[in-house]
Amino acid sequence: MKKITIIFIIAFAMLSAQSKVGTSSAQFLGIGVGPKAIAMGGAFTSIADDASTLYWNPGAISRLENSQAMFSNANWLVDTNVNLLAGVMKLNQSNAIGIFFSQLDYGKEEITDLYNQTGTGLYWKATDLVSGISYARNLTNRFSMGGSLKYISQRIHNESASTIALDVGLLYQSLSEAFRIGMSISNFGSDMTMDGKDLFHKIDLDPDNSGHNETIVAKLKTDAWPLPLFFRVGISSDVLKTDAVRLTVASDFFMPSDDVESINFGLEAGFLERVFLRAGYKTIGDPDSEEGLTIGIGAKAYVSGFGIMIDYAYQDFGRFNYVQHLGLTLSF
């Protein structure tokens, strides 16, 4: 336990030393997923009850009560879409594995140039994606740990960049289940560099002289950019829990390597564990953030031994108006 704590302290110090605003690649990795987590303001590091936990804290998936499959969609900013497909398989009471695929789809647009102002008949498109596999284990009845190995890719027209990264997380649950503490570090990986055929150009090294090759093929050099490192610490508690009503309060401290630190806050009220009302507030302490209030609702039913959960979240995005998230979860 002491060694693990030291690792997280070192990582925390590394993030503090590297903190630079707007200097990383793969910005889409900072888009939160899962309607429940979004409705609770992103305060989800210490909560483990749906498959989106793979994104927030892979070390907590072994605490899920059942295996789950989840699909969610969000109509993101400027006509883009964020899609998530995630699954967690409980191997036994102590071990679980998960797989996930998340995509930010920018759509496509017709290409124009100087001579074809209305369009060339060709289209360009851009897509960001991350996919991976996770494993977590309950080391004791109170302590869980796990991680994810993931593939990250960004593509715009004929250029692309990709890399491999690692997420690590842990969850501590008090013996009385009065509170839970979660920690995670995301996106340990190598830098990303865009490459593709559009970087090749013909150049004339000495345009003022003749008698030499004027069509030498050169390749434009692109810089390497690091992945955004995310460090999260969260705490949650069921402040009220009866057979009919449960009220859960959660808070996360979020430290990214490419932005300022902030706090997320959320709460969930469950009625007979069938209907759920949620609310939260994101990026408290970040004066430049457009994000803020989040609200949501969920409903659960059991059909032929399967649990079906439908979740909806509404996220205020300031001058960008709002974003809606919708998700469907099947537990078995």
Protein backbone atom coordinates (compact mmCIF):
# COMPACT_ATOMS: atom_id res chain seq x y z
CA MET A 1 0.00 0.00 0.00
CA LYS A 2 2.85 2.40 0.85
CA LYS A 3 4.58 1.71 -2.46
CA ILE A 4 1.40 2.40 -4.40
CA THR A 5 0.87 5.67 -2.51
CA ILE A 6 4.44 6.73 -3.33
CA ILE A 7 3.83 6.02 -7.03
CA PHE A 8 0.77 8.26 -7.08
CA ILE A 9 2.63 11.04 -5.21
CA ILE A 10 5.45 10.92 -7.77
CA ALA A 11 2.97 11.02 -10.63
CA PHE A 12 1.19 13.95 -8.97
CA ALA A 13 4.51 15.84 -8.81
CA MET A 14 5.24 15.03 -12.47
CA LEU A 15 1.91 16.45 -13.52
CA SER A 16 2.54 19.62 -11.55
CA ALA A 17 5.94 20.06 -13.20
CA GLN A 18 4.55 19.55 -16.72
CA SER A 19 1.43 21.68 -16.40
CA LYS A 20 1.12 23.70 -19.63
CA VAL A 21 -2.10 25.02 -21.08
CA GLY A 22 -2.93 23.82 -24.59
CA THR A 23 0.29 21.94 -25.37
CA SER A 24 -0.80 18.34 -25.85
CA SER A 25 -2.23 16.14 -28.56
CA ALA A 26 -5.37 13.98 -28.48
CA GLN A 27 -7.52 16.58 -26.74
CA PHE A 28 -10.57 14.35 -27.23
CA LEU A 29 -9.29 12.16 -24.39
CA GLY A 30 -10.57 14.83 -22.02
CA ILE A 31 -14.19 14.40 -23.14
CA GLY A 32 -15.99 12.54 -20.37
CA VAL A 33 -18.19 9.58 -21.32
CA GLY A 34 -21.23 7.89 -19.82
CA PRO A 35 -24.51 9.77 -19.17
CA LYS A 36 -24.52 8.91 -15.47
CA ALA A 37 -20.99 10.17 -14.91
CA ILE A 38 -21.68 13.33 -16.93
CA ALA A 39 -24.93 14.02 -15.04
CA MET A 40 -22.95 13.81 -11.78
CA GLY A 41 -20.55 16.48 -13.00
CA GLY A 42 -17.74 14.05 -13.81
CA ALA A 43 -17.32 13.19 -10.12
CA PHE A 44 -17.07 9.48 -10.86
CA THR A 45 -13.57 8.30 -9.92
CA SER A 46 -14.75 6.67 -6.69
CA ILE A 47 -18.04 5.29 -8.06
CA ALA A 48 -18.14 1.90 -9.75
CA ASP A 49 -21.56 0.88 -11.00
CA ASP A 50 -21.54 1.07 -14.80
CA ALA A 51 -19.18 0.22 -17.66
CA SER A 52 -18.09 3.85 -18.19
CA THR A 53 -15.93 3.29 -15.10
CA LEU A 54 -13.38 2.02 -17.64
CA TYR A 55 -12.77 5.64 -18.61
CA TRP A 56 -12.78 7.22 -15.15
CA ASN A 57 -11.02 4.57 -13.06
CA PRO A 58 -10.20 1.14 -14.53
CA GLY A 59 -9.13 -0.10 -11.11
CA ALA A 60 -12.77 0.02 -9.95
CA ILE A 61 -14.40 -2.30 -12.52
CA SER A 62 -13.87 -5.35 -10.31
CA ARG A 63 -16.37 -3.77 -7.87
CA LEU A 64 -19.24 -3.92 -10.36
CA GLU A 65 -21.96 -6.26 -9.16
CA ASN A 66 -22.61 -7.79 -12.61
CA SER A 67 -21.17 -7.99 -16.09
CA GLN A 68 -22.27 -5.10 -18.29
CA ALA A 69 -22.40 -3.89 -21.88
CA MET A 70 -22.93 -0.20 -22.55
CA PHE A 71 -23.49 2.10 -25.50
CA SER A 72 -23.68 5.89 -25.24
CA ASN A 73 -23.86 8.79 -27.65
CA ALA A 74 -23.41 12.54 -27.25
CA ASN A 75 -24.12 15.24 -29.81
CA TRP A 76 -20.88 17.06 -29.12
CA LEU A 77 -19.79 20.55 -30.11
CA VAL A 78 -20.03 21.95 -33.67
CA ASP A 79 -21.96 19.01 -35.13
CA THR A 80 -19.61 16.28 -33.94
CA ASN A 81 -20.56 13.04 -32.19
CA VAL A 82 -18.97 11.11 -29.33
CA ASN A 83 -19.74 7.39 -29.26
CA LEU A 84 -18.79 4.88 -26.58
CA LEU A 85 -19.04 1.10 -26.66
CA ALA A 86 -17.84 -0.57 -23.46
CA GLY A 87 -18.15 -3.93 -21.81
CA VAL A 88 -17.09 -5.41 -18.47
CA MET A 89 -17.01 -9.14 -17.78
CA LYS A 90 -16.94 -10.32 -14.19
CA LEU A 91 -14.66 -13.37 -14.10
CA ASN A 92 -15.52 -14.00 -10.45
CA GLN A 93 -16.12 -11.96 -7.29
CA SER A 94 -12.57 -10.60 -7.32
CA ASN A 95 -11.56 -10.23 -10.97
CA ALA A 96 -12.95 -8.42 -14.00
CA ILE A 97 -11.84 -7.57 -17.51
CA GLY A 98 -13.15 -4.86 -19.80
CA ILE A 99 -12.97 -3.64 -23.37
CA PHE A 100 -13.93 -0.24 -24.72
CA PHE A 101 -14.07 1.78 -27.93
CA SER A 102 -14.65 5.53 -27.96
CA GLN A 103 -14.83 7.71 -31.06
CA LEU A 104 -15.11 11.42 -31.78
CA ASP A 105 -16.55 11.71 -35.28
CA TYR A 106 -16.16 15.10 -36.97
CA GLY A 107 -18.20 14.09 -40.01
CA LYS A 108 -17.09 15.00 -43.52
CA GLU A 109 -16.97 18.13 -45.69
CA GLU A 110 -16.46 18.77 -49.37
CA ILE A 111 -12.98 19.93 -50.37
CA THR A 112 -12.61 23.34 -52.04
CA ASP A 113 -9.56 24.99 -53.59
CA LEU A 114 -8.63 28.19 -55.41
CA TYR A 115 -10.15 27.04 -58.68
CA ASN A 116 -13.15 25.17 -57.25
CA GLN A 117 -14.73 27.49 -54.74
CA THR A 118 -18.01 25.56 -54.70
CA GLY A 119 -16.42 22.15 -54.27
CA THR A 120 -14.21 19.62 -56.01
CA GLY A 121 -16.50 16.60 -55.60
CA LEU A 122 -14.01 15.14 -53.10
CA TYR A 123 -14.51 15.03 -49.33
CA TRP A 124 -12.27 15.18 -46.29
CA LYS A 125 -13.10 13.78 -42.85
CA ALA A 126 -11.55 13.56 -39.42
CA THR A 127 -11.88 11.01 -36.63
CA ASP A 128 -10.33 10.51 -33.21
CA LEU A 129 -10.57 7.15 -31.48
CA VAL A 130 -9.33 5.23 -28.48
CA SER A 131 -9.79 1.52 -27.82
CA GLY A 132 -8.36 -0.74 -25.19
CA ILE A 133 -8.55 -3.62 -22.77
CA SER A 134 -8.66 -3.43 -18.97
CA TYR A 135 -8.16 -5.69 -15.99
CA ALA A 136 -8.89 -5.11 -12.29
CA ARG A 137 -8.72 -7.20 -9.15
CA ASN A 138 -10.06 -6.88 -5.60
CA LEU A 139 -6.88 -7.31 -3.59
CA THR A 140 -8.85 -7.26 -0.33
CA ASN A 141 -12.47 -6.70 0.62
CA ARG A 142 -11.67 -2.97 0.73
CA PHE A 143 -8.97 -2.36 -1.87
CA SER A 144 -9.07 -2.78 -5.67
CA MET A 145 -6.54 -1.99 -8.38
CA GLY A 146 -6.32 -2.30 -12.15
CA GLY A 147 -5.31 -0.71 -15.40
CA SER A 148 -5.98 -0.30 -19.11
CA LEU A 149 -3.79 -0.68 -22.16
CA LYS A 150 -5.17 1.41 -24.99
CA TYR A 151 -4.56 2.42 -28.59
CA ILE A 152 -5.05 6.09 -29.46
CA SER A 153 -5.42 7.41 -33.00
CA GLN A 154 -6.15 10.74 -34.67
CA ARG A 155 -6.82 11.18 -38.38
CA ILE A 156 -7.57 14.21 -40.52
CA HIS A 157 -7.94 13.53 -44.25
CA ASN A 158 -4.71 11.78 -45.37
CA GLU A 159 -2.70 12.47 -42.21
CA SER A 160 -2.79 10.44 -39.02
CA ALA A 161 -1.01 9.84 -35.71
CA SER A 162 -1.24 6.98 -33.23
CA THR A 163 0.31 5.72 -30.02
CA ILE A 164 -0.12 3.28 -27.12
CA ALA A 165 -0.93 4.47 -23.60
CA LEU A 166 -1.60 3.10 -20.12
CA ASP A 167 -4.17 4.00 -17.45
CA VAL A 168 -3.85 2.93 -13.82
CA GLY A 169 -6.46 3.24 -11.08
CA LEU A 170 -7.36 2.09 -7.60
CA LEU A 171 -10.39 2.15 -5.33
CA TYR A 172 -10.58 2.01 -1.55
CA GLN A 173 -13.87 1.25 0.19
CA SER A 174 -14.23 1.63 3.94
CA LEU A 175 -15.11 -1.48 5.89
CA SER A 176 -18.44 0.03 6.91
CA GLU A 177 -19.02 1.18 3.29
CA ALA A 178 -19.49 4.70 4.63
CA PHE A 179 -17.25 6.19 1.96
CA ARG A 180 -15.13 5.32 -1.07
CA ILE A 181 -11.88 6.86 -2.34
CA GLY A 182 -10.69 6.46 -5.90
CA MET A 183 -7.54 7.54 -7.72
CA SER A 184 -6.50 7.22 -11.35
CA ILE A 185 -3.77 8.33 -13.72
CA SER A 186 -4.59 8.30 -17.43
CA ASN A 187 -2.65 8.45 -20.68
CA PHE A 188 0.88 7.36 -19.87
CA GLY A 189 2.26 7.01 -23.39
CA SER A 190 4.63 8.23 -26.07
CA ASP A 191 4.20 11.44 -28.08
CA MET A 192 2.07 11.62 -31.20
CA THR A 193 3.33 12.86 -34.59
CA MET A 194 1.15 13.45 -37.63
CA ASP A 195 2.29 11.72 -40.82
CA GLY A 196 0.79 11.14 -44.28
CA LYS A 197 1.10 11.61 -48.02
CA ASP A 198 0.05 15.27 -48.01
CA LEU A 199 3.32 16.13 -46.28
CA PHE A 200 5.28 15.37 -49.48
CA HIS A 201 5.89 18.40 -51.71
CA LYS A 202 8.04 19.23 -54.73
CA ILE A 203 10.43 22.10 -54.08
CA ASP A 204 13.10 24.13 -55.88
CA LEU A 205 16.06 24.52 -53.54
CA ASP A 206 17.52 27.42 -55.56
CA PRO A 207 14.80 29.19 -57.54
CA ASP A 208 17.20 31.96 -58.68
CA ASN A 209 19.37 29.58 -60.70
CA SER A 210 18.72 27.11 -63.52
CA GLY A 211 20.37 23.87 -64.60
CA HIS A 212 19.38 21.82 -61.55
CA ASN A 213 16.49 19.60 -60.52
CA GLU A 214 13.56 21.88 -59.77
CA THR A 215 11.22 19.12 -58.60
CA ILE A 216 13.02 17.59 -55.64
CA VAL A 217 10.55 15.78 -53.41
CA ALA A 218 10.68 16.94 -49.79
CA LYS A 219 8.68 15.97 -46.75
CA LEU A 220 7.36 18.54 -44.30
CA LYS A 221 8.40 17.85 -40.72
CA THR A 222 5.71 17.82 -38.02
CA ASP A 223 6.43 18.16 -34.32
CA ALA A 224 5.74 15.48 -31.74
CA TRP A 225 3.17 16.38 -29.07
CA PRO A 226 2.70 14.63 -25.72
CA LEU A 227 -0.52 13.04 -24.55
CA PRO A 228 -2.50 14.89 -21.87
CA LEU A 229 -1.87 13.27 -18.51
CA PHE A 230 -4.89 13.19 -16.20
CA PHE A 231 -4.69 12.70 -12.45
CA ARG A 232 -7.96 12.23 -10.59
CA VAL A 233 -8.76 11.78 -6.90
CA GLY A 234 -12.37 11.25 -5.87
CA ILE A 235 -14.39 10.58 -2.77
CA SER A 236 -18.03 9.56 -2.48
CA SER A 237 -20.46 8.56 0.24
CA ASP A 238 -24.02 7.32 0.57
CA VAL A 239 -25.19 9.98 3.02
CA LEU A 240 -28.66 8.46 3.09
CA LYS A 241 -29.47 4.83 2.45
CA THR A 242 -32.75 3.06 3.18
CA ASP A 243 -34.75 0.39 1.39
CA ALA A 244 -36.64 3.10 -0.50
CA VAL A 245 -34.19 5.99 -0.95
CA ARG A 246 -30.46 6.41 -1.46
CA LEU A 247 -28.58 9.69 -1.72
CA THR A 248 -24.97 9.59 -2.94
CA VAL A 249 -22.66 12.61 -2.86
CA ALA A 250 -19.36 12.63 -4.77
CA SER A 251 -16.49 14.99 -5.49
CA ASP A 252 -13.42 14.72 -7.72
CA PHE A 253 -10.19 16.70 -7.85
CA PHE A 254 -8.98 16.79 -11.46
CA MET A 255 -5.44 17.74 -12.47
CA PRO A 256 -4.61 17.65 -16.22
CA SER A 257 -1.10 18.27 -17.52
CA ASP A 258 -2.34 20.73 -20.15
CA ASP A 259 -4.81 22.86 -18.18
CA VAL A 260 -5.54 24.20 -14.72
CA GLU A 261 -6.73 22.11 -11.79
CA SER A 262 -10.45 21.94 -11.04
CA ILE A 263 -13.03 20.24 -8.85
CA ASN A 264 -16.13 18.35 -9.98
CA PHE A 265 -19.12 17.79 -7.73
CA GLY A 266 -22.12 15.49 -8.17
CA LEU A 267 -24.98 13.77 -6.43
CA GLU A 268 -27.48 11.02 -7.21
CA ALA A 269 -30.83 10.21 -5.61
CA GLY A 270 -32.08 6.68 -6.19
CA PHE A 271 -35.65 5.59 -5.52
CA LEU A 272 -36.11 1.83 -4.98
CA GLU A 273 -32.97 1.51 -7.15
CA ARG A 274 -35.24 1.87 -10.17
CA VAL A 275 -35.47 5.62 -10.82
CA PHE A 276 -32.53 7.99 -10.43
CA LEU A 277 -32.18 11.77 -10.38
CA ARG A 278 -28.72 13.29 -10.78
CA ALA A 279 -27.07 16.70 -10.75
CA GLY A 280 -23.57 18.11 -10.62
CA TYR A 281 -21.23 20.93 -11.44
CA LYS A 282 -18.00 20.67 -13.46
CA THR A 283 -14.65 22.48 -13.47
CA ILE A 284 -15.09 24.48 -10.28
CA GLY A 285 -11.99 26.67 -9.97
CA ASP A 286 -11.30 26.98 -13.71
CA PRO A 287 -12.28 30.56 -14.65
CA ASP A 288 -11.93 29.93 -18.39
CA SER A 289 -14.10 26.82 -18.58
CA GLU A 290 -17.42 26.91 -20.43
CA GLU A 291 -18.66 23.82 -18.61
CA GLY A 292 -20.83 24.04 -15.54
CA LEU A 293 -24.18 22.66 -14.44
CA THR A 294 -25.12 19.06 -15.29
CA ILE A 295 -28.39 17.23 -14.67
CA GLY A 296 -29.72 13.83 -15.62
CA ILE A 297 -32.16 11.01 -15.06
CA GLY A 298 -32.03 7.24 -15.24
CA ALA A 299 -34.39 4.29 -15.10
CA LYS A 300 -33.72 0.58 -14.52
CA ALA A 301 -35.87 -2.45 -15.27
CA TYR A 302 -35.35 -6.23 -15.21
CA VAL A 303 -36.48 -8.33 -18.17
CA SER A 304 -35.93 -12.10 -18.37
CA GLY A 305 -33.09 -11.93 -15.88
CA PHE A 306 -31.34 -9.03 -17.60
CA GLY A 307 -31.03 -5.55 -16.17
CA ILE A 308 -31.74 -2.72 -18.62
CA MET A 309 -30.67 0.81 -17.74
CA ILE A 310 -31.48 3.94 -19.75
CA ASP A 311 -29.65 7.15 -18.81
CA TYR A 312 -29.90 10.72 -20.00
CA ALA A 313 -27.70 13.73 -19.17
CA TYR A 314 -27.90 17.42 -19.99
CA GLN A 315 -24.64 19.37 -19.85
CA ASP A 316 -24.51 23.17 -19.87
CA PHE A 317 -21.67 24.37 -22.11
CA GLY A 318 -21.84 28.13 -21.78
CA ARG A 319 -21.58 29.97 -25.09
CA PHE A 320 -21.74 26.61 -26.90
CA ASN A 321 -25.24 26.12 -25.50
CA TYR A 322 -25.69 22.56 -24.21
CA VAL A 323 -24.77 18.94 -24.90
CA GLN A 324 -27.08 15.93 -24.48
CA HIS A 325 -25.87 12.43 -23.61
CA LEU A 326 -27.91 9.24 -23.98
CA GLY A 327 -26.90 5.75 -22.91
CA LEU A 328 -28.17 2.19 -22.79
CA THR A 329 -26.69 -0.40 -20.42
CA LEU A 330 -27.40 -4.14 -20.29
CA SER A 331 -26.33 -6.02 -17.14
CA PHE A 332 -26.22 -9.81 -16.84
